[in-house]
Amino acid sequence: MDLTELSFDDARPFDGYGPGFFRIGGEVVRGGVVLHAGGLSAWDGADPAPLVALRDAVDVVLLGTGAEIAHASGDLRAAVEGAGLGLEVMSTPAACRTYNVLVNEGRRVAAAVRAVAG
């Protein structure tokens, strides 16, 4: 699925996604990722450490849980919120779209998204 084009300055947007992958700033990335204006990294979908490390760079983390919305684990939620970050849980497609809109608005946001299964 392709997403609407917006203006992102230096940030890399989600261009699209599919079974097991994301297209980010024209690059295909497989598996889960953490994306924010300062960078992109692989993410296993459970470890809160990469999200907590963003506490000085972002205000909110959009957690994409896959094709359908699911609850965040208590440990992940506690770690992220304990670091003073907001956590918004949604499906991965919704997280990708929301990230693009918020980055376009200049918001300090990260997306931690699990790939949609094939």
N, C-alpha and C. Protein backbone atom coordinates (compact mmCIF):
# COMPACT_ATOMS: atom_id res chain seq x y z
N MET A 1 0.84 -1.16 0.00
CA MET A 1 0.00 0.00 0.00
C MET A 1 0.89 1.23 0.00
N ASP A 2 0.57 2.22 -0.80
CA ASP A 2 1.30 3.48 -0.83
C ASP A 2 0.61 4.48 0.07
N LEU A 3 1.39 5.37 0.65
CA LEU A 3 0.87 6.40 1.53
C LEU A 3 0.97 7.76 0.85
N THR A 4 0.17 8.70 1.29
CA THR A 4 0.14 10.03 0.70
C THR A 4 1.46 10.75 0.90
N GLU A 5 1.91 11.46 -0.15
CA GLU A 5 3.15 12.23 -0.05
C GLU A 5 2.92 13.53 0.71
N LEU A 6 3.86 13.86 1.58
CA LEU A 6 3.85 15.10 2.34
C LEU A 6 5.26 15.67 2.32
N SER A 7 5.47 16.82 2.91
CA SER A 7 6.79 17.43 3.01
C SER A 7 7.41 17.06 4.36
N PHE A 8 8.65 16.54 4.36
CA PHE A 8 9.24 16.03 5.60
C PHE A 8 10.55 16.68 6.01
N ASP A 9 11.01 17.69 5.31
CA ASP A 9 12.30 18.30 5.60
C ASP A 9 13.37 17.22 5.66
N ASP A 10 14.04 17.05 6.80
CA ASP A 10 15.13 16.07 6.91
C ASP A 10 14.66 14.68 7.34
N ALA A 11 13.44 14.56 7.83
CA ALA A 11 12.93 13.27 8.30
C ALA A 11 12.62 12.35 7.12
N ARG A 12 12.75 11.06 7.35
CA ARG A 12 12.40 10.06 6.33
C ARG A 12 10.99 9.54 6.62
N PRO A 13 10.10 9.57 5.64
CA PRO A 13 8.73 9.11 5.86
C PRO A 13 8.58 7.63 5.56
N PHE A 14 7.47 7.08 6.02
CA PHE A 14 7.03 5.77 5.54
C PHE A 14 6.43 6.01 4.16
N ASP A 15 7.02 5.38 3.14
CA ASP A 15 6.48 5.49 1.79
C ASP A 15 5.43 4.41 1.55
N GLY A 16 5.56 3.30 2.26
CA GLY A 16 4.63 2.19 2.09
C GLY A 16 5.04 1.03 2.98
N TYR A 17 4.24 -0.02 2.93
CA TYR A 17 4.53 -1.22 3.72
C TYR A 17 3.85 -2.40 3.04
N GLY A 18 4.28 -3.57 3.42
CA GLY A 18 3.71 -4.80 2.89
C GLY A 18 4.06 -5.94 3.81
N PRO A 19 3.78 -7.15 3.38
CA PRO A 19 4.06 -8.31 4.24
C PRO A 19 5.54 -8.41 4.62
N GLY A 20 5.84 -8.10 5.87
CA GLY A 20 7.19 -8.25 6.38
C GLY A 20 8.15 -7.12 6.08
N PHE A 21 7.70 -6.03 5.45
CA PHE A 21 8.63 -4.96 5.10
C PHE A 21 7.97 -3.58 5.17
N PHE A 22 8.86 -2.57 5.21
CA PHE A 22 8.46 -1.17 5.10
C PHE A 22 9.29 -0.54 4.00
N ARG A 23 8.76 0.45 3.32
CA ARG A 23 9.54 1.28 2.41
C ARG A 23 9.63 2.65 3.09
N ILE A 24 10.85 3.03 3.46
CA ILE A 24 11.09 4.24 4.25
C ILE A 24 12.07 5.12 3.50
N GLY A 25 11.62 6.29 3.10
CA GLY A 25 12.48 7.21 2.36
C GLY A 25 13.07 6.56 1.12
N GLY A 26 12.31 5.68 0.47
CA GLY A 26 12.76 5.01 -0.74
C GLY A 26 13.53 3.73 -0.51
N GLU A 27 13.84 3.39 0.73
CA GLU A 27 14.61 2.19 1.07
C GLU A 27 13.68 1.10 1.62
N VAL A 28 13.86 -0.13 1.17
CA VAL A 28 13.09 -1.25 1.71
C VAL A 28 13.79 -1.79 2.95
N VAL A 29 13.04 -1.89 4.04
CA VAL A 29 13.55 -2.38 5.31
C VAL A 29 12.67 -3.53 5.76
N ARG A 30 13.26 -4.65 6.09
CA ARG A 30 12.51 -5.83 6.52
C ARG A 30 12.41 -5.89 8.04
N GLY A 31 11.26 -6.35 8.53
CA GLY A 31 11.07 -6.53 9.97
C GLY A 31 10.64 -5.26 10.66
N GLY A 32 10.55 -5.33 11.99
CA GLY A 32 10.13 -4.19 12.79
C GLY A 32 11.18 -3.10 12.83
N VAL A 33 10.73 -1.86 12.98
CA VAL A 33 11.64 -0.71 12.99
C VAL A 33 11.20 0.34 14.00
N VAL A 34 12.16 1.14 14.40
CA VAL A 34 11.91 2.39 15.12
C VAL A 34 12.37 3.50 14.20
N LEU A 35 11.46 4.42 13.89
CA LEU A 35 11.76 5.52 12.99
C LEU A 35 11.43 6.83 13.69
N HIS A 36 12.34 7.78 13.60
CA HIS A 36 12.11 9.14 14.11
C HIS A 36 12.95 10.07 13.25
N ALA A 37 12.78 11.37 13.44
CA ALA A 37 13.47 12.34 12.59
C ALA A 37 14.99 12.17 12.62
N GLY A 38 15.52 11.63 13.71
CA GLY A 38 16.96 11.47 13.84
C GLY A 38 17.51 10.15 13.34
N GLY A 39 16.66 9.22 12.92
CA GLY A 39 17.20 7.96 12.44
C GLY A 39 16.22 6.83 12.34
N LEU A 40 16.76 5.70 11.99
CA LEU A 40 16.02 4.47 11.76
C LEU A 40 16.83 3.32 12.32
N SER A 41 16.18 2.40 13.03
CA SER A 41 16.87 1.22 13.52
C SER A 41 15.92 0.03 13.52
N ALA A 42 16.50 -1.15 13.45
CA ALA A 42 15.70 -2.38 13.54
C ALA A 42 15.17 -2.50 14.96
N TRP A 43 14.03 -3.15 15.10
CA TRP A 43 13.41 -3.32 16.41
C TRP A 43 12.72 -4.67 16.47
N ASP A 44 12.90 -5.39 17.57
CA ASP A 44 12.33 -6.73 17.70
C ASP A 44 10.85 -6.72 18.10
N GLY A 45 10.31 -5.56 18.41
CA GLY A 45 8.90 -5.46 18.75
C GLY A 45 8.59 -5.63 20.22
N ALA A 46 9.60 -5.86 21.05
CA ALA A 46 9.36 -6.07 22.47
C ALA A 46 10.28 -5.27 23.38
N ASP A 47 11.50 -5.02 22.96
CA ASP A 47 12.50 -4.38 23.80
C ASP A 47 12.21 -2.89 23.95
N PRO A 48 11.95 -2.41 25.16
CA PRO A 48 11.66 -0.98 25.34
C PRO A 48 12.91 -0.09 25.30
N ALA A 49 14.11 -0.66 25.44
CA ALA A 49 15.33 0.15 25.54
C ALA A 49 15.51 1.13 24.39
N PRO A 50 15.31 0.72 23.12
CA PRO A 50 15.49 1.70 22.04
C PRO A 50 14.47 2.84 22.09
N LEU A 51 13.33 2.59 22.68
CA LEU A 51 12.30 3.63 22.79
C LEU A 51 12.62 4.58 23.93
N VAL A 52 13.03 4.03 25.06
CA VAL A 52 13.40 4.84 26.22
C VAL A 52 14.59 5.74 25.88
N ALA A 53 15.50 5.25 25.05
CA ALA A 53 16.67 6.03 24.65
C ALA A 53 16.30 7.29 23.88
N LEU A 54 15.08 7.36 23.37
CA LEU A 54 14.63 8.52 22.60
C LEU A 54 14.03 9.64 23.46
N ARG A 55 14.06 9.48 24.77
CA ARG A 55 13.35 10.41 25.67
C ARG A 55 13.72 11.88 25.47
N ASP A 56 14.93 12.17 25.02
CA ASP A 56 15.32 13.57 24.79
C ASP A 56 15.03 14.03 23.36
N ALA A 57 14.67 13.10 22.48
CA ALA A 57 14.46 13.43 21.07
C ALA A 57 12.99 13.50 20.66
N VAL A 58 12.13 12.79 21.38
CA VAL A 58 10.71 12.75 21.00
C VAL A 58 9.83 12.93 22.23
N ASP A 59 8.57 13.23 21.98
CA ASP A 59 7.59 13.39 23.05
C ASP A 59 6.63 12.21 23.13
N VAL A 60 6.41 11.55 21.99
CA VAL A 60 5.45 10.46 21.94
C VAL A 60 5.97 9.37 21.01
N VAL A 61 5.65 8.12 21.37
CA VAL A 61 5.98 6.96 20.55
C VAL A 61 4.67 6.37 20.05
N LEU A 62 4.57 6.19 18.75
CA LEU A 62 3.43 5.50 18.15
C LEU A 62 3.82 4.03 18.03
N LEU A 63 3.11 3.17 18.71
CA LEU A 63 3.41 1.75 18.71
C LEU A 63 2.48 1.04 17.73
N GLY A 64 3.04 0.56 16.63
CA GLY A 64 2.28 -0.19 15.64
C GLY A 64 2.37 -1.68 15.94
N THR A 65 1.24 -2.30 16.22
CA THR A 65 1.22 -3.67 16.72
C THR A 65 0.98 -4.73 15.65
N GLY A 66 1.03 -4.37 14.38
CA GLY A 66 0.78 -5.32 13.30
C GLY A 66 -0.50 -4.94 12.56
N ALA A 67 -1.06 -5.90 11.85
CA ALA A 67 -2.25 -5.62 11.04
C ALA A 67 -3.44 -5.18 11.88
N GLU A 68 -3.52 -5.68 13.09
CA GLU A 68 -4.62 -5.34 14.00
C GLU A 68 -4.05 -4.71 15.26
N ILE A 69 -4.84 -3.90 15.91
CA ILE A 69 -4.41 -3.29 17.16
C ILE A 69 -4.36 -4.37 18.25
N ALA A 70 -3.36 -4.29 19.09
CA ALA A 70 -3.19 -5.22 20.22
C ALA A 70 -2.66 -4.42 21.40
N HIS A 71 -2.78 -4.97 22.57
CA HIS A 71 -2.28 -4.28 23.77
C HIS A 71 -0.75 -4.29 23.79
N ALA A 72 -0.18 -3.21 24.30
CA ALA A 72 1.26 -3.17 24.57
C ALA A 72 1.51 -3.98 25.83
N SER A 73 2.65 -4.65 25.90
CA SER A 73 2.97 -5.39 27.11
C SER A 73 3.10 -4.40 28.27
N GLY A 74 2.81 -4.87 29.46
CA GLY A 74 2.92 -4.02 30.64
C GLY A 74 4.32 -3.49 30.85
N ASP A 75 5.33 -4.34 30.59
CA ASP A 75 6.72 -3.93 30.76
C ASP A 75 7.10 -2.83 29.78
N LEU A 76 6.68 -2.97 28.52
CA LEU A 76 7.00 -1.97 27.51
C LEU A 76 6.31 -0.65 27.86
N ARG A 77 5.03 -0.71 28.19
CA ARG A 77 4.27 0.50 28.54
C ARG A 77 4.90 1.19 29.75
N ALA A 78 5.21 0.42 30.79
CA ALA A 78 5.79 0.99 32.01
C ALA A 78 7.13 1.66 31.73
N ALA A 79 7.97 1.04 30.92
CA ALA A 79 9.29 1.60 30.63
C ALA A 79 9.18 2.89 29.83
N VAL A 80 8.33 2.89 28.80
CA VAL A 80 8.19 4.06 27.94
C VAL A 80 7.55 5.22 28.71
N GLU A 81 6.47 4.95 29.41
CA GLU A 81 5.81 6.01 30.18
C GLU A 81 6.67 6.46 31.35
N GLY A 82 7.43 5.54 31.95
CA GLY A 82 8.34 5.88 33.03
C GLY A 82 9.46 6.82 32.59
N ALA A 83 9.77 6.80 31.29
CA ALA A 83 10.79 7.70 30.73
C ALA A 83 10.20 9.06 30.38
N GLY A 84 8.91 9.23 30.67
CA GLY A 84 8.26 10.51 30.41
C GLY A 84 7.74 10.67 29.00
N LEU A 85 7.65 9.56 28.27
CA LEU A 85 7.15 9.59 26.89
C LEU A 85 5.70 9.17 26.84
N GLY A 86 4.95 9.77 25.93
CA GLY A 86 3.61 9.29 25.66
C GLY A 86 3.69 8.04 24.80
N LEU A 87 2.74 7.14 24.95
CA LEU A 87 2.68 5.92 24.15
C LEU A 87 1.29 5.80 23.57
N GLU A 88 1.19 5.79 22.25
CA GLU A 88 -0.09 5.63 21.55
C GLU A 88 -0.04 4.30 20.80
N VAL A 89 -0.94 3.40 21.15
CA VAL A 89 -0.96 2.07 20.56
C VAL A 89 -2.02 2.03 19.47
N MET A 90 -1.62 1.51 18.31
CA MET A 90 -2.52 1.41 17.16
C MET A 90 -2.02 0.33 16.22
N SER A 91 -2.76 0.03 15.19
CA SER A 91 -2.28 -0.93 14.19
C SER A 91 -1.08 -0.31 13.46
N THR A 92 -0.27 -1.15 12.85
CA THR A 92 0.89 -0.65 12.12
C THR A 92 0.49 0.27 10.97
N PRO A 93 -0.53 -0.07 10.16
CA PRO A 93 -0.91 0.87 9.09
C PRO A 93 -1.29 2.25 9.64
N ALA A 94 -2.04 2.29 10.73
CA ALA A 94 -2.43 3.56 11.33
C ALA A 94 -1.21 4.30 11.88
N ALA A 95 -0.27 3.58 12.48
CA ALA A 95 0.94 4.20 13.03
C ALA A 95 1.78 4.83 11.92
N CYS A 96 1.90 4.16 10.79
CA CYS A 96 2.67 4.71 9.66
C CYS A 96 2.03 6.00 9.15
N ARG A 97 0.73 5.99 8.96
CA ARG A 97 0.04 7.19 8.47
C ARG A 97 0.14 8.33 9.49
N THR A 98 -0.09 8.01 10.75
CA THR A 98 -0.06 9.02 11.80
C THR A 98 1.34 9.62 11.95
N TYR A 99 2.36 8.77 11.88
CA TYR A 99 3.74 9.25 11.95
C TYR A 99 4.00 10.27 10.85
N ASN A 100 3.63 9.94 9.61
CA ASN A 100 3.87 10.84 8.50
C ASN A 100 3.19 12.19 8.71
N VAL A 101 1.96 12.18 9.18
CA VAL A 101 1.23 13.43 9.41
C VAL A 101 1.90 14.25 10.51
N LEU A 102 2.25 13.60 11.62
CA LEU A 102 2.84 14.33 12.75
C LEU A 102 4.22 14.86 12.43
N VAL A 103 5.03 14.11 11.71
CA VAL A 103 6.36 14.59 11.31
C VAL A 103 6.19 15.77 10.36
N ASN A 104 5.24 15.68 9.46
CA ASN A 104 4.97 16.79 8.54
C ASN A 104 4.60 18.06 9.30
N GLU A 105 3.96 17.92 10.45
CA GLU A 105 3.58 19.06 11.29
C GLU A 105 4.73 19.54 12.18
N GLY A 106 5.88 18.85 12.10
CA GLY A 106 7.03 19.24 12.91
C GLY A 106 7.01 18.71 14.32
N ARG A 107 6.17 17.72 14.59
CA ARG A 107 6.07 17.14 15.94
C ARG A 107 7.25 16.23 16.22
N ARG A 108 7.59 16.11 17.50
CA ARG A 108 8.68 15.24 17.96
C ARG A 108 8.10 13.86 18.26
N VAL A 109 8.10 12.99 17.26
CA VAL A 109 7.42 11.71 17.35
C VAL A 109 8.32 10.60 16.81
N ALA A 110 8.12 9.41 17.35
CA ALA A 110 8.79 8.21 16.84
C ALA A 110 7.71 7.17 16.56
N ALA A 111 7.99 6.31 15.61
CA ALA A 111 7.12 5.18 15.33
C ALA A 111 7.93 3.91 15.61
N ALA A 112 7.39 3.08 16.47
CA ALA A 112 7.97 1.76 16.74
C ALA A 112 6.95 0.76 16.22
N VAL A 113 7.25 0.17 15.07
CA VAL A 113 6.24 -0.61 14.36
C VAL A 113 6.70 -2.03 14.08
N ARG A 114 5.78 -2.95 14.29
CA ARG A 114 5.99 -4.34 13.91
C ARG A 114 5.51 -4.50 12.48
N ALA A 115 6.21 -5.31 11.71
CA ALA A 115 5.82 -5.54 10.33
C ALA A 115 4.47 -6.28 10.29
N VAL A 116 3.72 -6.00 9.25
CA VAL A 116 2.47 -6.68 9.00
C VAL A 116 2.80 -8.05 8.41
N ALA A 117 2.19 -9.09 8.96
CA ALA A 117 2.46 -10.46 8.49
C ALA A 117 1.92 -10.67 7.09
N GLY A 118 2.54 -11.59 6.38
CA GLY A 118 2.14 -11.88 5.01
C GLY A 118 1.12 -12.87 4.95
